Amino acid sequence: EHDEDAQSILISTDAEFLNKVSASIDKLLPTMEREAIITRSLADRAALIKVTDLEEAALVNNRIAPEHLELSVEDPQALLPLIKHAGAIFMGRYTAEALGDYCAGPNHVLPTSGTARFSSPLGVYDFQKRSSLIMFSEDGASEMGKVASVLARGESLTAHARSAEYRIKD
C-alpha cells in the first residue's frame, strides 16, 4: 500500500491457499484507505506463485530478492539457510512486517527492486570509515605475485605487474 510501484508476491506450495488469499484480497480491498493505490499495485506488480516445495520457493525468492520477506512457514529457521537475498526477513507466522517496520528495531531503509541481491539494509557500517588490511608472507607474496602479475599485465598495468614480480622468489 506504500505506492503503485510496490510489489506484493505470495509464493506457496498450496494452490487452494493461493485461491483463498485471492478471495480475501477481493473482500478486504474495499475496506482499505489507500484502495486505489493498492489496486494499481496489485494489477501491475502482484503475483501468486505456486511452487512444488519450499526449496523451490527459496529459489524463486532469491531471484526476486525482495525488500521484505515473510517466512510464514512452520519452521522458518529450517528455511533460512536457503534464503540468500532479502532486505528484511520476518520469521514465522506471528511476525508481521509492521512489527519490523515500527517495533523490532532494525533500520527500515532497505534495498528495493531486487537490489537485495547485492546490497544490505542501511546500518552503522554505512557511517563508519573502514580500511582493508592485507598482509602476505614472503612465500605467499611469491606465489600470489605470479597471479597478480598475469592479471595486471592483462590490464596493461606494467608497473602493477612489476611490483608483484619484484617479490617473486627465484
Protein backbone atom coordinates (compact mmCIF):
# COMPACT_ATOMS: atom_id res chain seq x y z
CA GLU A 1 0.00 0.00 0.00
CA HIS A 2 3.07 2.29 0.03
CA ASP A 3 2.82 3.21 -3.63
CA GLU A 4 1.68 1.99 -7.04
CA ASP A 5 5.12 0.51 -7.75
CA ALA A 6 5.06 -1.68 -4.64
CA GLN A 7 5.34 -5.38 -5.37
CA SER A 8 3.33 -7.97 -3.44
CA ILE A 9 4.17 -11.60 -4.17
CA LEU A 10 2.97 -14.72 -2.38
CA ILE A 11 4.84 -17.97 -3.00
CA SER A 12 3.10 -21.13 -1.75
CA THR A 13 3.07 -24.88 -2.23
CA ASP A 14 -0.72 -24.92 -1.75
CA ALA A 15 -2.93 -23.89 -4.71
CA GLU A 16 -6.07 -23.87 -2.55
CA PHE A 17 -4.40 -21.45 -0.12
CA LEU A 18 -3.46 -19.16 -3.02
CA ASN A 19 -7.11 -19.14 -4.15
CA LYS A 20 -8.27 -18.27 -0.63
CA VAL A 21 -5.76 -15.41 -0.45
CA SER A 22 -7.00 -14.06 -3.78
CA ALA A 23 -10.59 -14.15 -2.49
CA SER A 24 -9.55 -12.44 0.75
CA ILE A 25 -7.82 -9.66 -1.18
CA ASP A 26 -11.01 -9.07 -3.18
CA LYS A 27 -13.03 -8.95 0.05
CA LEU A 28 -10.67 -6.70 2.03
CA LEU A 29 -9.58 -4.28 -0.70
CA PRO A 30 -12.69 -2.05 -0.47
CA THR A 31 -12.00 -1.54 3.26
CA MET A 32 -8.53 -0.07 2.70
CA GLU A 33 -7.90 3.67 2.98
CA ARG A 34 -5.47 3.51 0.05
CA GLU A 35 -7.64 1.26 -2.10
CA ALA A 36 -6.76 2.96 -5.40
CA ILE A 37 -3.01 2.70 -4.82
CA ILE A 38 -3.27 -0.93 -3.71
CA THR A 39 -5.49 -1.82 -6.67
CA ARG A 40 -2.98 -0.37 -9.13
CA SER A 41 -0.05 -2.08 -7.40
CA LEU A 42 -1.83 -5.44 -7.39
CA ALA A 43 -2.82 -5.09 -11.05
CA ASP A 44 0.66 -4.15 -12.24
CA ARG A 45 3.11 -5.86 -9.89
CA ALA A 46 1.50 -8.58 -7.78
CA ALA A 47 1.73 -12.35 -8.19
CA LEU A 48 0.50 -15.52 -6.53
CA ILE A 49 3.09 -18.19 -7.37
CA LYS A 50 2.53 -21.94 -6.90
CA VAL A 51 5.71 -23.96 -6.29
CA THR A 52 6.29 -27.66 -5.68
CA ASP A 53 8.21 -27.36 -2.40
CA LEU A 54 9.90 -24.89 -0.04
CA GLU A 55 13.26 -25.33 -1.76
CA GLU A 56 11.71 -24.05 -4.99
CA ALA A 57 10.08 -21.24 -3.02
CA ALA A 58 13.52 -20.20 -1.75
CA LEU A 59 14.92 -20.26 -5.30
CA VAL A 60 12.09 -18.03 -6.53
CA ASN A 61 12.59 -15.69 -3.58
CA ASN A 62 16.31 -15.41 -4.26
CA ARG A 63 15.56 -14.43 -7.87
CA ILE A 64 13.11 -11.75 -6.71
CA ALA A 65 15.37 -10.52 -3.85
CA PRO A 66 12.52 -8.78 -2.01
CA GLU A 67 12.76 -5.78 0.27
CA HIS A 68 10.62 -7.66 2.82
CA LEU A 69 10.28 -11.44 3.11
CA GLU A 70 7.81 -13.08 5.48
CA LEU A 71 8.67 -16.73 6.14
CA SER A 72 5.19 -17.75 7.27
CA VAL A 73 6.09 -21.42 7.49
CA GLU A 74 6.04 -23.94 10.34
CA ASP A 75 9.83 -23.90 10.80
CA PRO A 76 11.31 -20.65 9.43
CA GLN A 77 14.72 -21.44 10.95
CA ALA A 78 14.99 -24.53 8.72
CA LEU A 79 14.26 -22.49 5.59
CA LEU A 80 16.54 -19.58 6.49
CA PRO A 81 19.80 -21.17 5.18
CA LEU A 82 18.22 -21.34 1.71
CA ILE A 83 17.41 -17.61 1.69
CA LYS A 84 20.25 -15.67 0.08
CA HIS A 85 18.62 -12.38 -0.89
CA ALA A 86 16.13 -10.30 1.12
CA GLY A 87 16.32 -6.89 2.75
CA ALA A 88 14.46 -7.84 5.94
CA ILE A 89 13.29 -11.34 6.85
CA PHE A 90 10.27 -11.76 9.12
CA MET A 91 10.42 -15.15 10.84
CA GLY A 92 7.23 -17.13 11.42
CA ARG A 93 3.51 -16.55 11.12
CA TYR A 94 3.34 -14.12 14.07
CA THR A 95 5.99 -11.73 12.75
CA ALA A 96 4.10 -9.21 10.64
CA GLU A 97 6.02 -6.74 8.52
CA ALA A 98 4.55 -3.89 10.57
CA LEU A 99 6.35 -5.23 13.66
CA GLY A 100 9.68 -4.91 11.88
CA ASP A 101 8.80 -1.51 10.46
CA TYR A 102 7.68 0.05 13.72
CA CYS A 103 8.68 -2.03 16.75
CA ALA A 104 11.53 -4.52 16.33
CA GLY A 105 14.38 -2.05 15.96
CA PRO A 106 16.30 -2.71 12.72
CA ASN A 107 16.70 0.13 10.27
CA HIS A 108 13.81 0.47 7.87
CA VAL A 109 15.95 1.74 4.98
CA LEU A 110 16.05 -1.48 2.93
CA PRO A 111 17.21 -2.46 -0.56
CA THR A 112 14.29 -2.35 -3.02
CA SER A 113 13.56 -3.57 -6.56
CA GLY A 114 15.72 -6.68 -6.34
CA THR A 115 18.79 -4.83 -5.11
CA ALA A 116 18.93 -7.15 -2.09
CA ARG A 117 20.94 -9.41 -4.43
CA PHE A 118 23.92 -7.10 -3.92
CA SER A 119 23.18 -4.64 -1.13
CA SER A 120 22.11 -4.64 2.51
CA PRO A 121 19.86 -2.59 4.79
CA LEU A 122 21.29 0.72 5.92
CA GLY A 123 23.41 0.16 9.01
CA VAL A 124 26.20 1.55 11.14
CA TYR A 125 28.82 0.31 8.66
CA ASP A 126 27.49 2.84 6.16
CA PHE A 127 28.60 5.63 8.51
CA GLN A 128 31.97 4.26 9.53
CA LYS A 129 35.31 4.66 7.83
CA ARG A 130 36.93 1.29 7.36
CA SER A 131 40.21 0.13 5.86
CA SER A 132 41.13 -3.19 4.33
CA LEU A 133 44.20 -4.84 5.85
CA ILE A 134 46.23 -7.04 3.51
CA MET A 135 49.36 -8.93 4.56
CA PHE A 136 51.31 -11.68 2.81
CA SER A 137 54.26 -13.73 3.95
CA GLU A 138 57.35 -13.88 1.74
CA ASP A 139 56.27 -17.25 0.36
CA GLY A 140 52.68 -16.11 -0.12
CA ALA A 141 53.76 -12.95 -1.95
CA SER A 142 56.00 -15.03 -4.19
CA GLU A 143 53.22 -17.45 -5.10
CA MET A 144 50.36 -14.95 -5.44
CA GLY A 145 52.67 -12.46 -7.17
CA LYS A 146 52.59 -14.71 -10.22
CA VAL A 147 48.81 -14.45 -10.35
CA ALA A 148 48.83 -10.69 -9.72
CA SER A 149 51.40 -10.20 -12.47
CA VAL A 150 49.28 -12.02 -15.06
CA LEU A 151 46.15 -10.08 -14.08
CA ALA A 152 47.94 -6.71 -14.04
CA ARG A 153 49.54 -7.34 -17.43
CA GLY A 154 46.11 -8.32 -18.76
CA GLU A 155 45.04 -4.78 -17.89
CA SER A 156 48.24 -3.28 -19.37
CA LEU A 157 49.33 -2.13 -15.91
CA THR A 158 53.04 -2.86 -16.22
CA ALA A 159 54.08 -1.07 -13.02
CA HIS A 160 51.49 -3.03 -11.04
CA ALA A 161 52.78 -6.27 -12.57
CA ARG A 162 56.38 -5.41 -11.76
CA SER A 163 55.53 -4.52 -8.13
CA ALA A 164 54.33 -8.10 -7.74
CA GLU A 165 57.11 -9.63 -9.84
CA TYR A 166 59.84 -7.99 -7.75
CA ARG A 167 58.55 -10.05 -4.81
CA ILE A 168 58.62 -13.41 -6.62
CA LYS A 169 61.40 -15.62 -5.30
CA ASP A 170 63.64 -17.15 -7.95
